[in-house]
Amino acid sequence: QKIFREEGYESVTEVENADFVLLGVNPDKALLNFTLPIYAGNIFGDNIYDYTQNEDFAIKNAYLTAEGAIALAVSSSEKSLFDSSVLLVGYGRISRALHKLLSCYTNKITVCARSQNQLTLA
């Protein structure tokens, strides 16, 4: 919250005092009854801005998700990623980010994807 205050944002306790509403991806439709601009993911409406339609956001989010997946894999296994064999199922944004990040540890990465375009990218 400190960084938000430094940028001029402040916490509000009443919705009427807010400038916009920020929700997660696939929010409950009951949360969309605001007249304020709503920023959310995978949802449409007159006053709703879908941040998942922003490709730059989606790519950066894929890398954050990939980092989290790697951290989870490392913390829940006794085996090192170094020189491990890895199977990536699908080759969307997150798998492409995983491939790039994991290639620092191993070159034994296999990609399984339905699309020939995705396999070509791998």
C-alpha atoms as a PDB file:
ATOM      1  CA  GLN A   1       0.000   0.000   0.000  1.00  0.00           C
ATOM      2  CA  LYS A   2       2.921   2.322   0.598  1.00  0.00           C
ATOM      3  CA  ILE A   3       3.804   2.441  -3.094  1.00  0.00           C
ATOM      4  CA  PHE A   4       0.201   3.342  -3.947  1.00  0.00           C
ATOM      5  CA  ARG A   5       0.231   6.213  -1.442  1.00  0.00           C
ATOM      6  CA  GLU A   6       3.539   7.435  -2.907  1.00  0.00           C
ATOM      7  CA  GLU A   7       1.862   7.502  -6.333  1.00  0.00           C
ATOM      8  CA  GLY A   8      -1.027   9.578  -4.996  1.00  0.00           C
ATOM      9  CA  TYR A   9      -3.551   6.795  -4.373  1.00  0.00           C
ATOM     10  CA  GLU A  10      -5.389   6.470  -1.108  1.00  0.00           C
ATOM     11  CA  SER A  11      -7.518   3.769   0.504  1.00  0.00           C
ATOM     12  CA  VAL A  12     -11.249   4.339   0.604  1.00  0.00           C
ATOM     13  CA  THR A  13     -13.791   2.633   2.810  1.00  0.00           C
ATOM     14  CA  GLU A  14     -16.895   3.770   0.889  1.00  0.00           C
ATOM     15  CA  VAL A  15     -17.433   2.773  -2.737  1.00  0.00           C
ATOM     16  CA  GLU A  16     -18.777   6.251  -3.481  1.00  0.00           C
ATOM     17  CA  ASN A  17     -15.281   7.639  -2.763  1.00  0.00           C
ATOM     18  CA  ALA A  18     -13.509   5.336  -5.245  1.00  0.00           C
ATOM     19  CA  ASP A  19     -12.414   6.361  -8.737  1.00  0.00           C
ATOM     20  CA  PHE A  20     -12.559   2.830 -10.155  1.00  0.00           C
ATOM     21  CA  VAL A  21     -13.017  -0.803  -9.131  1.00  0.00           C
ATOM     22  CA  LEU A  22     -10.285  -3.397  -9.720  1.00  0.00           C
ATOM     23  CA  LEU A  23     -11.377  -7.039  -9.772  1.00  0.00           C
ATOM     24  CA  GLY A  24      -9.655 -10.301 -10.594  1.00  0.00           C
ATOM     25  CA  VAL A  25     -10.160 -12.568 -13.586  1.00  0.00           C
ATOM     26  CA  ASN A  26     -13.645 -14.124 -13.941  1.00  0.00           C
ATOM     27  CA  PRO A  27     -15.183 -12.124 -11.086  1.00  0.00           C
ATOM     28  CA  ASP A  28     -18.553 -12.983  -9.583  1.00  0.00           C
ATOM     29  CA  LYS A  29     -21.211 -11.120 -11.575  1.00  0.00           C
ATOM     30  CA  ALA A  30     -22.680  -9.828  -8.312  1.00  0.00           C
ATOM     31  CA  LEU A  31     -19.571  -7.639  -7.965  1.00  0.00           C
ATOM     32  CA  LEU A  32     -20.309  -5.803 -11.216  1.00  0.00           C
ATOM     33  CA  ASN A  33     -23.122  -3.576  -9.956  1.00  0.00           C
ATOM     34  CA  PHE A  34     -21.026  -0.417  -9.846  1.00  0.00           C
ATOM     35  CA  THR A  35     -21.472   2.747 -11.857  1.00  0.00           C
ATOM     36  CA  LEU A  36     -17.714   3.330 -11.574  1.00  0.00           C
ATOM     37  CA  PRO A  37     -15.296   2.086 -14.257  1.00  0.00           C
ATOM     38  CA  ILE A  38     -14.505  -1.565 -13.538  1.00  0.00           C
ATOM     39  CA  TYR A  39     -11.202  -3.190 -14.490  1.00  0.00           C
ATOM     40  CA  ALA A  40     -11.538  -6.969 -14.559  1.00  0.00           C
ATOM     41  CA  GLY A  41     -10.523  -9.987 -16.597  1.00  0.00           C
ATOM     42  CA  ASN A  42     -12.609 -12.097 -18.979  1.00  0.00           C
ATOM     43  CA  ILE A  43     -15.790 -10.101 -18.457  1.00  0.00           C
ATOM     44  CA  PHE A  44     -17.670  -7.648 -20.646  1.00  0.00           C
ATOM     45  CA  GLY A  45     -20.009  -4.726 -20.053  1.00  0.00           C
ATOM     46  CA  ASP A  46     -20.560  -1.036 -20.728  1.00  0.00           C
ATOM     47  CA  ASN A  47     -18.292   0.266 -17.963  1.00  0.00           C
ATOM     48  CA  ILE A  48     -15.950  -2.756 -17.795  1.00  0.00           C
ATOM     49  CA  TYR A  49     -12.391  -2.757 -19.134  1.00  0.00           C
ATOM     50  CA  ASP A  50     -10.985  -6.243 -19.700  1.00  0.00           C
ATOM     51  CA  TYR A  51      -7.263  -6.096 -18.928  1.00  0.00           C
ATOM     52  CA  THR A  52      -6.743  -9.622 -20.279  1.00  0.00           C
ATOM     53  CA  GLN A  53      -7.270  -8.200 -23.775  1.00  0.00           C
ATOM     54  CA  ASN A  54      -4.012  -6.248 -23.359  1.00  0.00           C
ATOM     55  CA  GLU A  55      -1.296  -8.494 -24.843  1.00  0.00           C
ATOM     56  CA  ASP A  56       1.525  -6.790 -22.922  1.00  0.00           C
ATOM     57  CA  PHE A  57      -0.316  -7.441 -19.644  1.00  0.00           C
ATOM     58  CA  ALA A  58      -0.977 -11.063 -20.637  1.00  0.00           C
ATOM     59  CA  ILE A  59       2.690 -11.765 -21.439  1.00  0.00           C
ATOM     60  CA  LYS A  60       3.972 -10.174 -18.215  1.00  0.00           C
ATOM     61  CA  ASN A  61       1.343 -12.095 -16.250  1.00  0.00           C
ATOM     62  CA  ALA A  62       2.472 -15.353 -17.940  1.00  0.00           C
ATOM     63  CA  TYR A  63       6.030 -14.798 -16.707  1.00  0.00           C
ATOM     64  CA  LEU A  64       4.834 -14.132 -13.153  1.00  0.00           C
ATOM     65  CA  THR A  65       2.730 -17.294 -13.273  1.00  0.00           C
ATOM     66  CA  ALA A  66       5.674 -19.286 -14.649  1.00  0.00           C
ATOM     67  CA  GLU A  67       7.939 -18.016 -11.863  1.00  0.00           C
ATOM     68  CA  GLY A  68       5.354 -19.098  -9.304  1.00  0.00           C
ATOM     69  CA  ALA A  69       5.053 -22.541 -10.910  1.00  0.00           C
ATOM     70  CA  ILE A  70       8.830 -23.007 -10.840  1.00  0.00           C
ATOM     71  CA  ALA A  71       8.999 -21.883  -7.201  1.00  0.00           C
ATOM     72  CA  LEU A  72       6.273 -24.374  -6.300  1.00  0.00           C
ATOM     73  CA  ALA A  73       8.018 -27.188  -8.188  1.00  0.00           C
ATOM     74  CA  VAL A  74      11.357 -26.480  -6.501  1.00  0.00           C
ATOM     75  CA  SER A  75       9.890 -26.153  -2.999  1.00  0.00           C
ATOM     76  CA  SER A  76       7.819 -29.347  -3.219  1.00  0.00           C
ATOM     77  CA  SER A  77      10.492 -31.621  -4.657  1.00  0.00           C
ATOM     78  CA  GLU A  78      13.763 -32.954  -3.359  1.00  0.00           C
ATOM     79  CA  LYS A  79      15.111 -33.096  -6.912  1.00  0.00           C
ATOM     80  CA  SER A  80      16.908 -30.167  -8.483  1.00  0.00           C
ATOM     81  CA  LEU A  81      15.708 -28.621 -11.737  1.00  0.00           C
ATOM     82  CA  PHE A  82      19.290 -28.726 -12.969  1.00  0.00           C
ATOM     83  CA  ASP A  83      19.518 -31.269 -15.798  1.00  0.00           C
ATOM     84  CA  SER A  84      15.988 -32.567 -15.057  1.00  0.00           C
ATOM     85  CA  SER A  85      13.619 -33.815 -17.733  1.00  0.00           C
ATOM     86  CA  VAL A  86      10.582 -31.536 -18.021  1.00  0.00           C
ATOM     87  CA  LEU A  87       7.316 -32.054 -19.917  1.00  0.00           C
ATOM     88  CA  LEU A  88       5.314 -28.960 -20.873  1.00  0.00           C
ATOM     89  CA  VAL A  89       1.741 -29.796 -21.846  1.00  0.00           C
ATOM     90  CA  GLY A  90       0.386 -27.130 -24.182  1.00  0.00           C
ATOM     91  CA  TYR A  91       2.396 -24.208 -25.479  1.00  0.00           C
ATOM     92  CA  GLY A  92       0.457 -21.069 -24.681  1.00  0.00           C
ATOM     93  CA  ARG A  93       1.865 -17.950 -23.049  1.00  0.00           C
ATOM     94  CA  ILE A  94       2.599 -19.579 -19.693  1.00  0.00           C
ATOM     95  CA  SER A  95       4.293 -22.652 -21.189  1.00  0.00           C
ATOM     96  CA  ARG A  96       6.387 -20.446 -23.470  1.00  0.00           C
ATOM     97  CA  ALA A  97       7.479 -18.436 -20.413  1.00  0.00           C
ATOM     98  CA  LEU A  98       8.190 -21.666 -18.510  1.00  0.00           C
ATOM     99  CA  HIS A  99      10.231 -22.974 -21.452  1.00  0.00           C
ATOM    100  CA  LYS A 100      12.363 -19.836 -21.539  1.00  0.00           C
ATOM    101  CA  LEU A 101      12.904 -19.782 -17.753  1.00  0.00           C
ATOM    102  CA  LEU A 102      13.515 -23.545 -17.406  1.00  0.00           C
ATOM    103  CA  SER A 103      16.038 -23.601 -20.244  1.00  0.00           C
ATOM    104  CA  CYS A 104      18.479 -21.959 -17.820  1.00  0.00           C
ATOM    105  CA  TYR A 105      18.404 -25.191 -15.792  1.00  0.00           C
ATOM    106  CA  THR A 106      18.005 -27.925 -18.380  1.00  0.00           C
ATOM    107  CA  ASN A 107      17.855 -28.606 -22.078  1.00  0.00           C
ATOM    108  CA  LYS A 108      15.713 -31.715 -21.522  1.00  0.00           C
ATOM    109  CA  ILE A 109      12.381 -29.996 -22.170  1.00  0.00           C
ATOM    110  CA  THR A 110       9.667 -31.791 -24.138  1.00  0.00           C
ATOM    111  CA  VAL A 111       6.609 -29.946 -25.402  1.00  0.00           C
ATOM    112  CA  CYS A 112       3.301 -31.714 -26.022  1.00  0.00           C
ATOM    113  CA  ALA A 113       0.767 -29.544 -27.870  1.00  0.00           C
ATOM    114  CA  ARG A 114      -2.262 -30.062 -30.092  1.00  0.00           C
ATOM    115  CA  SER A 115      -1.446 -27.279 -32.531  1.00  0.00           C
ATOM    116  CA  GLN A 116       1.255 -27.621 -35.161  1.00  0.00           C
ATOM    117  CA  ASN A 117       1.861 -23.869 -34.814  1.00  0.00           C
ATOM    118  CA  GLN A 118       2.609 -24.307 -31.106  1.00  0.00           C
ATOM    119  CA  LEU A 119       4.957 -27.234 -31.807  1.00  0.00           C
ATOM    120  CA  THR A 120       6.769 -25.144 -34.412  1.00  0.00           C
ATOM    121  CA  LEU A 121       7.274 -22.360 -31.852  1.00  0.00           C
ATOM    122  CA  ALA A 122       8.662 -24.863 -29.340  1.00  0.00           C
END
